[in-house]
Amino acid sequence: MVSIRQLKAARSLLGWSQGDLAIASGISEPTIARLEAAEDGLIGGRPSTRDAIIDGMLKAGVSFIDEGGGSVGVLLRRPLSQRK
């Protein structure tokens, strides 16, 4: 699962506004703002909304690091469309 902090960190790494994420995910900017208003915890909302937001980030080259290895974070890679 992806946390609010990871979502915000990923947007920052990409240099994206909430509007940019809205375009990439197909989720409205007010919905993204509402979800990001939570200070901490996992991304809330409907599963389809969370999936669309995460998918938009993944397509842009973001990798989410889960707690499995003792760390939580975000990694930015080149988007799949730019890899050779």
N, C-alpha and C. Protein backbone atom coordinates (compact mmCIF):
# COMPACT_ATOMS: atom_id res chain seq x y z
N MET A 1 0.84 -1.18 0.00
CA MET A 1 0.00 0.00 0.00
C MET A 1 0.88 1.25 0.00
N VAL A 2 0.34 2.32 -0.53
CA VAL A 2 1.07 3.57 -0.68
C VAL A 2 0.52 4.60 0.32
N SER A 3 1.42 5.29 0.98
CA SER A 3 1.01 6.29 1.97
C SER A 3 0.85 7.67 1.33
N ILE A 4 0.17 8.53 2.07
CA ILE A 4 0.01 9.93 1.65
C ILE A 4 1.39 10.59 1.50
N ARG A 5 2.28 10.31 2.44
CA ARG A 5 3.62 10.91 2.38
C ARG A 5 4.38 10.45 1.13
N GLN A 6 4.23 9.17 0.77
CA GLN A 6 4.87 8.67 -0.44
C GLN A 6 4.27 9.35 -1.68
N LEU A 7 2.96 9.53 -1.67
CA LEU A 7 2.30 10.19 -2.80
C LEU A 7 2.83 11.61 -2.97
N LYS A 8 2.92 12.35 -1.89
CA LYS A 8 3.42 13.72 -1.95
C LYS A 8 4.89 13.75 -2.37
N ALA A 9 5.68 12.82 -1.86
CA ALA A 9 7.10 12.74 -2.24
C ALA A 9 7.25 12.43 -3.72
N ALA A 10 6.42 11.53 -4.22
CA ALA A 10 6.48 11.17 -5.63
C ALA A 10 6.13 12.36 -6.51
N ARG A 11 5.10 13.11 -6.14
CA ARG A 11 4.74 14.31 -6.90
C ARG A 11 5.89 15.30 -6.91
N SER A 12 6.54 15.44 -5.76
CA SER A 12 7.66 16.36 -5.66
C SER A 12 8.82 15.93 -6.56
N LEU A 13 9.16 14.65 -6.55
CA LEU A 13 10.23 14.15 -7.41
C LEU A 13 9.93 14.39 -8.89
N LEU A 14 8.67 14.23 -9.25
CA LEU A 14 8.27 14.44 -10.64
C LEU A 14 8.14 15.92 -10.99
N GLY A 15 8.07 16.77 -9.97
CA GLY A 15 7.83 18.19 -10.21
C GLY A 15 6.39 18.46 -10.61
N TRP A 16 5.48 17.60 -10.15
CA TRP A 16 4.08 17.68 -10.53
C TRP A 16 3.26 18.43 -9.51
N SER A 17 2.30 19.18 -9.99
CA SER A 17 1.27 19.76 -9.15
C SER A 17 0.16 18.73 -8.97
N GLN A 18 -0.81 19.05 -8.14
CA GLN A 18 -1.97 18.17 -8.02
C GLN A 18 -2.71 18.11 -9.36
N GLY A 19 -2.70 19.21 -10.09
CA GLY A 19 -3.34 19.23 -11.41
C GLY A 19 -2.65 18.29 -12.39
N ASP A 20 -1.32 18.24 -12.34
CA ASP A 20 -0.58 17.31 -13.21
C ASP A 20 -0.94 15.87 -12.89
N LEU A 21 -1.03 15.55 -11.60
CA LEU A 21 -1.41 14.20 -11.20
C LEU A 21 -2.85 13.90 -11.63
N ALA A 22 -3.71 14.89 -11.55
CA ALA A 22 -5.09 14.71 -11.99
C ALA A 22 -5.14 14.32 -13.47
N ILE A 23 -4.36 14.99 -14.27
CA ILE A 23 -4.32 14.68 -15.71
C ILE A 23 -3.76 13.28 -15.94
N ALA A 24 -2.68 12.94 -15.25
CA ALA A 24 -2.03 11.64 -15.46
C ALA A 24 -2.88 10.47 -14.96
N SER A 25 -3.71 10.73 -13.96
CA SER A 25 -4.47 9.63 -13.36
C SER A 25 -5.93 9.57 -13.79
N GLY A 26 -6.43 10.69 -14.33
CA GLY A 26 -7.84 10.74 -14.67
C GLY A 26 -8.74 10.96 -13.47
N ILE A 27 -8.15 11.36 -12.36
CA ILE A 27 -8.89 11.64 -11.12
C ILE A 27 -8.94 13.16 -10.96
N SER A 28 -10.06 13.68 -10.49
CA SER A 28 -10.21 15.13 -10.40
C SER A 28 -9.22 15.74 -9.40
N GLU A 29 -8.81 16.96 -9.69
CA GLU A 29 -7.88 17.67 -8.81
C GLU A 29 -8.47 17.86 -7.41
N PRO A 30 -9.75 18.21 -7.25
CA PRO A 30 -10.31 18.32 -5.90
C PRO A 30 -10.25 17.01 -5.11
N THR A 31 -10.42 15.88 -5.80
CA THR A 31 -10.33 14.59 -5.13
C THR A 31 -8.91 14.34 -4.66
N ILE A 32 -7.94 14.65 -5.49
CA ILE A 32 -6.54 14.48 -5.09
C ILE A 32 -6.22 15.38 -3.91
N ALA A 33 -6.67 16.62 -3.96
CA ALA A 33 -6.43 17.55 -2.85
C ALA A 33 -7.05 17.03 -1.56
N ARG A 34 -8.25 16.48 -1.65
CA ARG A 34 -8.93 15.94 -0.46
C ARG A 34 -8.15 14.75 0.11
N LEU A 35 -7.70 13.87 -0.77
CA LEU A 35 -6.94 12.71 -0.30
C LEU A 35 -5.61 13.13 0.32
N GLU A 36 -4.96 14.12 -0.27
CA GLU A 36 -3.66 14.57 0.25
C GLU A 36 -3.79 15.43 1.50
N ALA A 37 -5.01 15.86 1.83
CA ALA A 37 -5.21 16.69 3.03
C ALA A 37 -4.94 15.90 4.31
N ALA A 38 -5.05 14.59 4.23
CA ALA A 38 -4.72 13.75 5.39
C ALA A 38 -3.22 13.88 5.63
N GLU A 39 -2.85 14.05 6.86
CA GLU A 39 -1.43 14.25 7.19
C GLU A 39 -0.60 12.99 7.03
N ASP A 40 -1.20 11.87 7.34
CA ASP A 40 -0.43 10.63 7.35
C ASP A 40 -1.37 9.47 7.08
N GLY A 41 -0.82 8.30 6.94
CA GLY A 41 -1.62 7.11 6.69
C GLY A 41 -1.62 6.73 5.23
N LEU A 42 -2.39 5.72 4.92
CA LEU A 42 -2.48 5.24 3.55
C LEU A 42 -3.42 6.12 2.74
N ILE A 43 -3.26 6.09 1.43
CA ILE A 43 -4.16 6.84 0.55
C ILE A 43 -5.57 6.30 0.77
N GLY A 44 -6.48 7.19 1.06
CA GLY A 44 -7.87 6.79 1.30
C GLY A 44 -8.65 6.77 0.00
N GLY A 45 -9.95 6.79 0.12
CA GLY A 45 -10.82 6.81 -1.05
C GLY A 45 -11.14 5.44 -1.58
N ARG A 46 -11.80 5.44 -2.70
CA ARG A 46 -12.20 4.18 -3.34
C ARG A 46 -10.97 3.45 -3.89
N PRO A 47 -11.01 2.13 -3.89
CA PRO A 47 -9.89 1.38 -4.45
C PRO A 47 -9.59 1.77 -5.90
N SER A 48 -10.61 2.01 -6.70
CA SER A 48 -10.38 2.38 -8.11
C SER A 48 -9.68 3.73 -8.22
N THR A 49 -9.99 4.64 -7.29
CA THR A 49 -9.34 5.96 -7.27
C THR A 49 -7.87 5.80 -6.90
N ARG A 50 -7.61 5.05 -5.83
CA ARG A 50 -6.22 4.81 -5.41
C ARG A 50 -5.43 4.16 -6.53
N ASP A 51 -6.02 3.15 -7.17
CA ASP A 51 -5.33 2.43 -8.24
C ASP A 51 -4.99 3.36 -9.40
N ALA A 52 -5.91 4.24 -9.77
CA ALA A 52 -5.67 5.17 -10.88
C ALA A 52 -4.55 6.15 -10.55
N ILE A 53 -4.53 6.63 -9.33
CA ILE A 53 -3.47 7.56 -8.91
C ILE A 53 -2.12 6.86 -8.92
N ILE A 54 -2.06 5.69 -8.33
CA ILE A 54 -0.80 4.93 -8.29
C ILE A 54 -0.35 4.56 -9.69
N ASP A 55 -1.28 4.14 -10.54
CA ASP A 55 -0.94 3.78 -11.91
C ASP A 55 -0.37 4.97 -12.68
N GLY A 56 -0.95 6.14 -12.49
CA GLY A 56 -0.43 7.35 -13.14
C GLY A 56 1.00 7.65 -12.73
N MET A 57 1.28 7.43 -11.45
CA MET A 57 2.64 7.65 -10.94
C MET A 57 3.61 6.60 -11.48
N LEU A 58 3.17 5.34 -11.50
CA LEU A 58 4.04 4.27 -12.01
C LEU A 58 4.39 4.50 -13.47
N LYS A 59 3.42 4.92 -14.27
CA LYS A 59 3.68 5.19 -15.68
C LYS A 59 4.65 6.34 -15.88
N ALA A 60 4.71 7.24 -14.91
CA ALA A 60 5.63 8.37 -14.99
C ALA A 60 7.04 8.01 -14.52
N GLY A 61 7.20 6.78 -13.99
CA GLY A 61 8.52 6.32 -13.59
C GLY A 61 8.74 6.21 -12.10
N VAL A 62 7.70 6.38 -11.31
CA VAL A 62 7.83 6.29 -9.86
C VAL A 62 7.75 4.83 -9.43
N SER A 63 8.60 4.45 -8.49
CA SER A 63 8.51 3.16 -7.82
C SER A 63 8.28 3.44 -6.34
N PHE A 64 7.31 2.76 -5.76
CA PHE A 64 7.04 2.92 -4.34
C PHE A 64 7.72 1.79 -3.58
N ILE A 65 8.48 2.15 -2.55
CA ILE A 65 9.21 1.18 -1.73
C ILE A 65 8.37 0.95 -0.49
N ASP A 66 8.00 -0.32 -0.25
CA ASP A 66 7.17 -0.61 0.91
C ASP A 66 8.02 -0.94 2.13
N GLU A 67 7.37 -1.17 3.23
CA GLU A 67 8.07 -1.43 4.49
C GLU A 67 8.70 -2.80 4.57
N GLY A 68 8.53 -3.61 3.56
CA GLY A 68 9.06 -4.97 3.59
C GLY A 68 10.54 -5.04 3.92
N GLY A 69 11.32 -4.11 3.44
CA GLY A 69 12.75 -4.11 3.70
C GLY A 69 13.16 -3.24 4.87
N GLY A 70 12.20 -2.76 5.65
CA GLY A 70 12.51 -1.92 6.80
C GLY A 70 12.52 -0.45 6.46
N SER A 71 12.31 -0.10 5.21
CA SER A 71 12.29 1.29 4.78
C SER A 71 11.06 1.55 3.93
N VAL A 72 10.64 2.79 3.93
CA VAL A 72 9.53 3.24 3.09
C VAL A 72 10.05 4.39 2.27
N GLY A 73 9.68 4.44 1.00
CA GLY A 73 10.18 5.55 0.19
C GLY A 73 9.62 5.56 -1.21
N VAL A 74 10.28 6.37 -2.02
CA VAL A 74 9.89 6.56 -3.41
C VAL A 74 11.16 6.64 -4.23
N LEU A 75 11.13 6.00 -5.37
CA LEU A 75 12.27 6.01 -6.29
C LEU A 75 11.78 6.49 -7.64
N LEU A 76 12.54 7.35 -8.27
CA LEU A 76 12.15 7.86 -9.58
C LEU A 76 13.06 7.26 -10.64
N ARG A 77 12.44 6.59 -11.59
CA ARG A 77 13.15 6.01 -12.73
C ARG A 77 12.64 6.70 -13.99
N ARG A 78 13.32 6.48 -15.07
CA ARG A 78 12.78 7.00 -16.35
C ARG A 78 11.48 6.30 -16.65
N PRO A 79 10.50 7.01 -17.17
CA PRO A 79 9.25 6.34 -17.56
C PRO A 79 9.49 5.25 -18.59
N LEU A 80 8.63 4.25 -18.58
CA LEU A 80 8.77 3.13 -19.51
C LEU A 80 8.85 3.62 -20.96
N SER A 81 8.11 4.66 -21.29
CA SER A 81 8.09 5.16 -22.67
C SER A 81 9.43 5.76 -23.08
N GLN A 82 10.31 6.08 -22.12
CA GLN A 82 11.60 6.69 -22.45
C GLN A 82 12.77 5.72 -22.32
N ARG A 83 12.49 4.48 -21.92
CA ARG A 83 13.56 3.50 -21.77
C ARG A 83 13.89 2.87 -23.12
N LYS A 84 15.15 2.52 -23.31
CA LYS A 84 15.59 1.88 -24.54
C LYS A 84 16.28 0.59 -24.23
